[in-house]
Amino acid sequence: MKANILTILMLSVFIQSVQSQNKLHTISKTLTSAKQGDIVILHDFLTMDFPKIVYDKTAMPGPQYIISDDPEYIRIPEAIAMQESVAPGAVRLYVYNVNGVKEPQKMPRKISAVIKNMGKENMHLRMLKYSSQRPSTNYFQIGKQGLYDYFVSNEINNVRIVKPGQVIAIDEQLEKNIVRYDELVHGFYEFVIDQPGLISVLQTSPEKEGPKAFHDIDTIIPFSHVNAGRGIFPISNYKVTSRDTIDTKNGVSQLILADGNDDPWITGTIGPNKEFAKNAGNYGVLYNTNIKWKSTDGKGLALITWNCRSADNQWCGGMGLTMEMFDNEMKKTVVQYPLNRLVTKAAPEAILLEVYTPDPSKDVQEINFTYSPPGASCLPTPLILVPVDLGK
């Protein structure tokens, strides 16, 4: 009797092993048959239980970082939604605000970002990176395109002079846009200033210039610690390096960034009283990522991602992202994922980000990319490395 039970158990283990191998073979074939950016269907595969890649994360030198997303929906027709003082130096500004006016009725608005020269000499504002999208209710498209435009941007000789006490629009395009109810205004900028400044994101009437509205508005909307948040943050860039070398023979592994647990949210301050702020999502933060890997069994690695939060709520039904991908010579390509659709929805869907081929002349190879948490999407977006058989 015991012998029969043992035989059945061994047979069951054998069958499960065969089924597992068959599944991995199918997954491998699906991934190697797809193109970069494709949505692939991976039945009974995607899970948050894959082993996590252990990594070292260090803050890199970068600009002082400001985000405006609390409130996201600006309900007051004429108001300042975010205001922060900045020191001379580099600044990154992320504007993510919606015309939410319903009282006394829905009305078109202007949402603009302005800066006041708080110094005693002329301020030179030199734009380094510029990303500005037309207002829209398609938040996924704006978030995806916004990061793409930021990554490819390389502003040259874009310098403006701001006199002491003068206020100018940071993005002159925002001054021209008319924002309808429920439309998102999305801007992502990096610039350098040589005088102290005061940056404000405000909502006003379409016919009023942002700098003029700045002088007229006396309402600063209180923060509520909701959405991604608002404030100024000392950290804007991270260097992420895998602690160990990934070996294809060890199976599937995943890199989890911007989850609020293994990778905590950045913290900063809000307003002149320096009250506590956090960026819930680390939106706008750049992760310069390096993963070392080797292939002792001749297999390659497929890098994929998926929308693991799809079932959480109505806002998590889609995910689209943009990344900087680097080849072996560190040549950069900026890619919007997925390529053949706006977003991926839910498992069994995944996005193929890249397939890496082993180089027999190298014992250890590197995977390099820049990741930033995708706007309008729920986090985390796991980055999964799947060993694939390139010969079949």
Protein backbone atom coordinates (compact mmCIF):
# COMPACT_ATOMS: atom_id res chain seq x y z
CA MET A 1 0.00 0.00 0.00
CA LYS A 2 2.79 2.43 0.98
CA ALA A 3 4.65 1.50 -2.20
CA ASN A 4 1.58 2.34 -4.29
CA ILE A 5 1.20 5.73 -2.59
CA LEU A 6 4.89 6.50 -3.17
CA THR A 7 4.56 5.50 -6.82
CA ILE A 8 1.53 7.75 -7.25
CA LEU A 9 3.35 10.68 -5.61
CA MET A 10 6.42 10.21 -7.79
CA LEU A 11 4.24 9.97 -10.89
CA SER A 12 2.41 13.14 -9.88
CA VAL A 13 5.70 15.01 -9.41
CA PHE A 14 6.91 13.74 -12.79
CA ILE A 15 3.72 14.86 -14.54
CA GLN A 16 3.93 18.30 -12.91
CA SER A 17 7.55 18.61 -14.00
CA VAL A 18 6.67 17.70 -17.59
CA GLN A 19 3.76 20.15 -17.59
CA SER A 20 6.01 22.88 -16.20
CA GLN A 21 8.64 22.23 -18.87
CA ASN A 22 5.98 22.27 -21.58
CA LYS A 23 4.62 25.57 -20.26
CA LEU A 24 8.08 27.16 -20.21
CA HIS A 25 8.70 25.90 -23.73
CA THR A 26 5.45 27.50 -24.89
CA ILE A 27 6.27 30.76 -23.11
CA SER A 28 9.75 30.78 -24.63
CA LYS A 29 8.39 30.19 -28.12
CA THR A 30 5.80 32.94 -27.71
CA LEU A 31 8.38 35.48 -26.56
CA THR A 32 11.00 34.68 -29.19
CA SER A 33 8.38 34.83 -31.95
CA ALA A 34 7.25 38.32 -30.93
CA LYS A 35 8.74 41.72 -31.73
CA GLN A 36 9.91 44.38 -29.31
CA GLY A 37 6.88 46.24 -27.99
CA ASP A 38 4.37 43.53 -28.86
CA ILE A 39 1.64 42.46 -26.48
CA VAL A 40 2.02 38.72 -25.92
CA ILE A 41 -0.44 36.27 -24.37
CA LEU A 42 1.12 34.18 -21.59
CA HIS A 43 -1.53 31.86 -20.16
CA ASP A 44 -1.14 30.70 -16.54
CA PHE A 45 2.26 32.33 -16.21
CA LEU A 46 2.15 35.88 -14.83
CA THR A 47 2.38 36.16 -11.05
CA MET A 48 3.86 38.41 -8.39
CA ASP A 49 5.51 35.37 -6.82
CA PHE A 50 8.59 35.19 -9.04
CA PRO A 51 11.87 35.52 -7.10
CA LYS A 52 12.85 39.16 -6.67
CA ILE A 53 16.13 40.52 -7.98
CA VAL A 54 18.05 41.99 -5.05
CA TYR A 55 19.52 45.37 -5.96
CA ASP A 56 21.48 48.29 -4.59
CA LYS A 57 19.86 51.69 -5.03
CA THR A 58 21.73 54.96 -4.62
CA ALA A 59 20.55 58.52 -5.10
CA MET A 60 22.31 60.20 -8.02
CA PRO A 61 23.06 63.90 -8.37
CA GLY A 62 20.07 65.52 -9.99
CA PRO A 63 17.76 68.50 -10.06
CA GLN A 64 15.51 69.66 -7.24
CA TYR A 65 12.23 68.03 -8.17
CA ILE A 66 8.71 69.49 -7.97
CA ILE A 67 5.44 67.67 -8.66
CA SER A 68 1.93 69.13 -8.83
CA ASP A 69 -0.73 66.44 -8.33
CA ASP A 70 -2.49 67.36 -5.07
CA PRO A 71 -5.13 68.31 -5.90
CA GLU A 72 -5.18 66.54 -9.24
CA TYR A 73 -8.65 67.93 -10.01
CA ILE A 74 -8.65 71.69 -9.45
CA ARG A 75 -12.23 72.49 -8.39
CA ILE A 76 -11.78 76.23 -7.78
CA PRO A 77 -12.01 78.37 -10.95
CA GLU A 78 -9.19 80.74 -9.92
CA ALA A 79 -6.59 79.23 -7.61
CA ILE A 80 -2.98 78.20 -7.12
CA ALA A 81 -2.68 74.41 -6.86
CA MET A 82 1.02 74.21 -6.03
CA GLN A 83 3.67 76.73 -4.98
CA GLU A 84 7.29 76.05 -4.08
CA SER A 85 10.49 78.03 -3.69
CA VAL A 86 13.53 76.83 -5.64
CA ALA A 87 17.21 77.58 -5.25
CA PRO A 88 19.52 78.50 -8.11
CA GLY A 89 20.45 75.35 -10.03
CA ALA A 90 18.67 72.59 -11.91
CA VAL A 91 14.91 72.06 -11.53
CA ARG A 92 12.63 69.25 -12.71
CA LEU A 93 8.93 70.12 -12.78
CA TYR A 94 6.07 67.67 -13.32
CA VAL A 95 2.62 69.20 -13.87
CA TYR A 96 -0.30 66.75 -13.64
CA ASN A 97 -3.54 68.68 -13.09
CA VAL A 98 -7.12 68.50 -14.35
CA ASN A 99 -9.83 71.11 -14.85
CA GLY A 100 -12.29 69.86 -12.25
CA VAL A 101 -14.53 72.92 -12.00
CA LYS A 102 -18.23 72.00 -11.64
CA GLU A 103 -19.54 74.95 -9.60
CA PRO A 104 -21.22 77.22 -10.43
CA GLN A 105 -21.01 75.24 -13.67
CA LYS A 106 -18.46 73.47 -15.83
CA MET A 107 -16.29 75.98 -17.66
CA PRO A 108 -13.18 76.09 -19.84
CA ARG A 109 -10.03 77.01 -17.92
CA LYS A 110 -6.33 77.64 -18.33
CA ILE A 111 -3.82 75.71 -16.24
CA SER A 112 -0.32 77.16 -16.36
CA ALA A 113 3.02 77.00 -14.57
CA VAL A 114 4.80 80.26 -13.79
CA ILE A 115 8.05 81.28 -12.13
CA LYS A 116 8.86 84.49 -10.27
CA ASN A 117 12.41 85.76 -9.98
CA MET A 118 12.95 86.19 -6.24
CA GLY A 119 16.53 87.36 -6.65
CA LYS A 120 18.11 90.78 -7.04
CA GLU A 121 19.62 90.19 -10.47
CA ASN A 122 18.33 88.99 -13.81
CA MET A 123 17.44 85.30 -13.86
CA HIS A 124 18.51 83.23 -16.84
CA LEU A 125 16.12 80.31 -17.32
CA ARG A 126 17.71 77.73 -19.62
CA MET A 127 15.38 74.92 -20.68
CA LEU A 128 17.13 71.53 -20.94
CA LYS A 129 14.22 69.13 -21.49
CA TYR A 130 10.73 70.06 -22.60
CA SER A 131 7.62 67.88 -22.78
CA SER A 132 4.17 69.42 -23.14
CA GLN A 133 1.03 67.62 -24.34
CA ARG A 134 -2.31 69.02 -25.49
CA PRO A 135 -5.01 68.78 -22.80
CA SER A 136 -7.00 65.58 -23.16
CA THR A 137 -9.19 63.10 -21.31
CA ASN A 138 -6.98 60.29 -22.64
CA TYR A 139 -4.71 60.16 -19.59
CA PHE A 140 -2.94 56.99 -20.73
CA GLN A 141 -1.90 58.56 -24.04
CA ILE A 142 -0.71 61.74 -22.35
CA GLY A 143 1.33 59.88 -19.73
CA LYS A 144 2.95 57.60 -22.30
CA GLN A 145 3.67 60.36 -24.83
CA GLY A 146 4.78 62.78 -22.15
CA LEU A 147 7.60 60.57 -20.97
CA TYR A 148 8.61 59.82 -24.56
CA ASP A 149 8.84 63.52 -25.39
CA TYR A 150 10.88 64.12 -22.24
CA PHE A 151 13.38 61.35 -23.02
CA VAL A 152 13.97 62.48 -26.62
CA SER A 153 14.05 66.19 -25.79
CA ASN A 154 17.32 68.06 -26.08
CA GLU A 155 16.70 71.79 -25.92
CA ILE A 156 19.49 73.97 -27.34
CA ASN A 157 19.89 77.70 -26.76
CA ASN A 158 16.45 77.95 -25.15
CA VAL A 159 17.23 80.73 -22.67
CA ARG A 160 14.93 83.42 -21.32
CA ILE A 161 15.72 86.35 -19.05
CA VAL A 162 13.48 87.11 -16.08
CA LYS A 163 13.96 90.46 -14.35
CA PRO A 164 13.94 90.72 -10.54
CA GLY A 165 10.35 90.40 -9.34
CA GLN A 166 9.09 89.49 -12.80
CA VAL A 167 6.79 86.51 -13.39
CA ILE A 168 6.81 84.51 -16.64
CA ALA A 169 5.16 81.35 -17.90
CA ILE A 170 7.53 78.38 -17.76
CA ASP A 171 5.74 76.78 -20.73
CA GLU A 172 4.30 79.28 -23.18
CA GLN A 173 2.24 76.51 -24.81
CA LEU A 174 0.19 76.10 -21.62
CA GLU A 175 -0.75 79.77 -21.97
CA LYS A 176 -2.35 79.00 -25.35
CA ASN A 177 -4.24 75.87 -24.36
CA ILE A 178 -7.93 75.89 -23.46
CA VAL A 179 -8.67 73.16 -20.93
CA ARG A 180 -12.17 71.67 -20.94
CA TYR A 181 -13.75 69.96 -17.95
CA ASP A 182 -12.02 66.69 -17.00
CA GLU A 183 -9.08 67.32 -19.33
CA LEU A 184 -5.58 66.66 -18.03
CA VAL A 185 -2.78 69.20 -18.37
CA HIS A 186 0.54 67.37 -18.49
CA GLY A 187 3.97 68.97 -18.62
CA PHE A 188 7.40 67.57 -17.78
CA TYR A 189 10.33 69.98 -17.77
CA GLU A 190 13.93 70.28 -16.74
CA PHE A 191 15.67 73.64 -16.64
CA VAL A 192 18.44 75.61 -14.93
CA ILE A 193 18.09 78.97 -13.17
CA ASP A 194 20.75 81.24 -11.67
CA GLN A 195 18.54 83.15 -9.19
CA PRO A 196 16.15 81.94 -6.49
CA GLY A 197 12.62 81.48 -7.81
CA LEU A 198 9.03 80.82 -6.82
CA ILE A 199 7.21 78.26 -8.98
CA SER A 200 3.41 78.11 -9.04
CA VAL A 201 0.88 75.98 -10.90
CA LEU A 202 -2.38 77.86 -11.21
CA GLN A 203 -5.82 77.70 -12.79
CA THR A 204 -7.47 80.75 -14.30
CA SER A 205 -9.72 81.87 -17.15
CA PRO A 206 -8.58 81.20 -20.75
CA GLU A 207 -8.35 84.90 -21.59
CA LYS A 208 -6.13 85.78 -18.63
CA GLU A 209 -2.35 85.42 -18.85
CA GLY A 210 -0.81 83.14 -16.23
CA PRO A 211 1.65 85.78 -14.90
CA LYS A 212 -1.22 88.29 -14.55
CA ALA A 213 -3.37 85.68 -12.79
CA PHE A 214 -0.51 84.98 -10.38
CA HIS A 215 -0.71 88.55 -9.07
CA ASP A 216 -4.51 88.47 -8.85
CA ILE A 217 -5.02 85.08 -7.16
CA ASP A 218 -4.85 84.95 -3.37
CA THR A 219 -6.12 81.38 -2.93
CA ILE A 220 -3.62 78.56 -2.49
CA ILE A 221 -5.47 75.25 -2.32
CA PRO A 222 -4.50 73.26 0.80
CA PHE A 223 -2.80 69.92 0.23
CA SER A 224 -4.57 66.69 1.19
CA HIS A 225 -1.83 64.05 0.80
CA VAL A 226 -3.75 62.39 -2.02
CA ASN A 227 -2.84 61.10 -5.51
CA ALA A 228 0.91 61.22 -6.20
CA GLY A 229 1.16 64.32 -4.03
CA ARG A 230 2.83 67.67 -4.35
CA GLY A 231 5.91 69.41 -3.05
CA ILE A 232 9.63 69.70 -3.61
CA PHE A 233 11.95 66.71 -3.30
CA PRO A 234 15.75 66.41 -3.01
CA ILE A 235 15.86 63.10 -4.92
CA SER A 236 15.03 62.89 -8.62
CA ASN A 237 17.37 60.19 -9.97
CA TYR A 238 18.40 56.74 -8.76
CA LYS A 239 21.11 54.33 -9.81
CA VAL A 240 19.88 50.74 -9.54
CA THR A 241 22.37 47.86 -9.80
CA SER A 242 21.65 44.17 -9.38
CA ARG A 243 23.57 42.82 -6.42
CA ASP A 244 24.12 39.40 -7.97
CA THR A 245 24.63 38.22 -11.52
CA ILE A 246 21.47 36.73 -13.01
CA ASP A 247 22.03 33.24 -14.45
CA THR A 248 19.55 31.96 -17.02
CA LYS A 249 19.78 28.45 -15.56
CA ASN A 250 18.10 29.70 -12.37
CA GLY A 251 14.81 30.50 -14.07
CA VAL A 252 12.50 33.49 -13.99
CA SER A 253 13.19 36.53 -11.78
CA GLN A 254 11.67 39.99 -11.43
CA LEU A 255 12.80 43.52 -10.64
CA ILE A 256 10.30 45.48 -8.54
CA LEU A 257 10.69 49.26 -8.53
CA ALA A 258 8.39 51.99 -7.20
CA ASP A 259 6.21 49.74 -5.05
CA GLY A 260 6.37 51.78 -1.84
CA ASN A 261 7.74 48.81 0.11
CA ASP A 262 11.03 47.42 -1.21
CA ASP A 263 11.46 50.78 -2.93
CA PRO A 264 9.99 53.47 -0.63
CA TRP A 265 8.41 56.66 -1.90
CA ILE A 266 10.65 59.70 -2.00
CA THR A 267 9.93 62.34 0.64
CA GLY A 268 10.25 66.11 0.66
CA THR A 269 8.41 69.19 1.86
CA ILE A 270 5.35 71.26 0.98
CA GLY A 271 5.24 75.05 0.99
CA PRO A 272 6.99 77.64 3.14
CA ASN A 273 6.32 75.73 6.37
CA LYS A 274 8.17 72.70 4.98
CA GLU A 275 5.41 70.27 5.88
CA PHE A 276 5.92 66.59 5.10
CA ALA A 277 5.48 65.45 1.50
CA LYS A 278 5.78 62.13 -0.26
CA ASN A 279 5.56 61.22 -3.93
CA ALA A 280 3.24 58.18 -3.83
CA GLY A 281 4.47 56.39 -6.92
CA ASN A 282 7.82 58.12 -7.40
CA TYR A 283 6.32 59.55 -10.59
CA GLY A 284 8.86 61.63 -12.46
CA VAL A 285 11.83 59.89 -10.81
CA LEU A 286 14.35 58.29 -13.18
CA TYR A 287 15.81 54.86 -12.41
CA ASN A 288 19.09 54.33 -14.26
CA THR A 289 19.19 50.54 -14.13
CA ASN A 290 22.01 48.04 -14.63
CA ILE A 291 21.50 44.27 -14.40
CA LYS A 292 24.39 41.85 -14.79
CA TRP A 293 23.59 38.45 -16.29
CA LYS A 294 25.17 35.34 -17.71
CA SER A 295 24.02 32.29 -19.61
CA THR A 296 25.46 28.99 -18.44
CA ASP A 297 22.85 27.01 -20.39
CA GLY A 298 22.98 28.94 -23.67
CA LYS A 299 19.62 30.63 -23.22
CA GLY A 300 18.78 34.27 -23.74
CA LEU A 301 16.69 36.56 -21.56
CA ALA A 302 13.38 38.16 -22.42
CA LEU A 303 12.46 41.29 -20.48
CA ILE A 304 8.70 41.67 -20.07
CA THR A 305 6.22 43.62 -17.95
CA TRP A 306 2.51 43.42 -17.16
CA ASN A 307 -0.31 45.26 -15.43
CA CYS A 308 -0.35 43.43 -12.12
CA ARG A 309 -2.80 45.91 -10.56
CA SER A 310 -5.58 45.54 -13.15
CA ALA A 311 -8.17 44.20 -10.70
CA ASP A 312 -7.60 46.83 -8.00
CA ASN A 313 -9.96 49.60 -9.14
CA GLN A 314 -11.37 51.41 -12.16
CA TRP A 315 -8.20 53.50 -12.56
CA CYS A 316 -5.95 50.45 -12.94
CA GLY A 317 -7.50 48.94 -16.05
CA GLY A 318 -4.59 49.79 -18.35
CA MET A 319 -0.83 50.35 -18.36
CA GLY A 320 1.46 51.89 -20.93
CA LEU A 321 5.03 53.04 -20.40
CA THR A 322 8.06 54.56 -22.08
CA MET A 323 11.66 53.54 -21.42
CA GLU A 324 15.17 54.41 -22.52
CA MET A 325 16.79 51.19 -23.74
CA PHE A 326 20.55 50.86 -24.25
CA ASP A 327 22.35 48.32 -26.44
CA ASN A 328 25.75 46.75 -25.76
CA GLU A 329 27.49 49.92 -26.99
CA MET A 330 25.19 52.05 -24.76
CA LYS A 331 23.42 53.50 -27.77
CA LYS A 332 20.06 54.82 -26.61
CA THR A 333 16.64 54.06 -28.08
CA VAL A 334 13.45 55.50 -26.60
CA VAL A 335 10.53 53.09 -26.92
CA GLN A 336 6.84 53.43 -26.10
CA TYR A 337 5.31 50.20 -24.80
CA PRO A 338 3.21 48.60 -26.12
CA LEU A 339 3.92 49.62 -29.70
CA ASN A 340 0.86 48.10 -31.32
CA ARG A 341 -1.69 49.39 -28.82
CA LEU A 342 -2.09 52.24 -26.35
CA VAL A 343 -2.00 50.07 -23.21
CA THR A 344 -1.93 46.51 -21.98
CA LYS A 345 -4.95 45.61 -19.88
CA ALA A 346 -4.54 42.54 -17.69
CA ALA A 347 -3.09 39.05 -17.47
CA PRO A 348 -2.57 36.96 -19.52
CA GLU A 349 -1.33 39.98 -21.47
CA ALA A 350 2.28 41.06 -21.12
CA ILE A 351 4.53 43.44 -23.06
CA LEU A 352 7.80 42.25 -24.57
CA LEU A 353 10.34 44.96 -23.80
CA GLU A 354 13.46 43.30 -25.22
CA VAL A 355 15.18 39.97 -25.88
CA TYR A 356 18.84 39.70 -24.90
CA THR A 357 21.14 37.26 -26.68
CA PRO A 358 24.11 35.66 -24.89
CA ASP A 359 27.55 36.61 -26.17
CA PRO A 360 29.86 33.55 -26.04
CA SER A 361 32.89 35.84 -25.78
CA LYS A 362 31.70 37.36 -22.50
CA ASP A 363 31.36 35.67 -19.14
CA VAL A 364 29.05 38.40 -17.85
CA GLN A 365 26.84 40.79 -19.81
CA GLU A 366 24.84 43.85 -18.85
CA ILE A 367 21.27 45.03 -19.33
CA ASN A 368 20.89 48.80 -19.16
CA PHE A 369 17.74 50.89 -19.28
CA THR A 370 16.11 53.97 -17.76
CA TYR A 371 12.75 53.36 -16.13
CA SER A 372 10.33 55.93 -14.79
CA PRO A 373 6.98 54.98 -13.24
CA PRO A 374 4.40 55.41 -16.01
CA GLY A 375 1.94 58.26 -15.52
CA ALA A 376 -1.78 57.39 -15.27
CA SER A 377 -0.87 53.77 -14.50
CA CYS A 378 -0.99 51.86 -11.22
CA LEU A 379 2.19 50.60 -9.63
CA PRO A 380 4.31 48.60 -9.49
CA THR A 381 4.90 47.44 -13.06
CA PRO A 382 7.10 44.35 -12.51
CA LEU A 383 10.08 43.98 -14.85
CA ILE A 384 10.40 40.22 -15.40
CA LEU A 385 13.39 38.39 -16.87
CA VAL A 386 12.43 35.11 -18.54
CA PRO A 387 15.07 32.65 -19.85
CA VAL A 388 14.25 31.80 -23.47
CA ASP A 389 15.56 29.20 -25.89
CA LEU A 390 16.75 31.15 -28.91
CA GLY A 391 17.34 28.03 -30.98
CA LYS A 392 13.67 27.09 -31.28
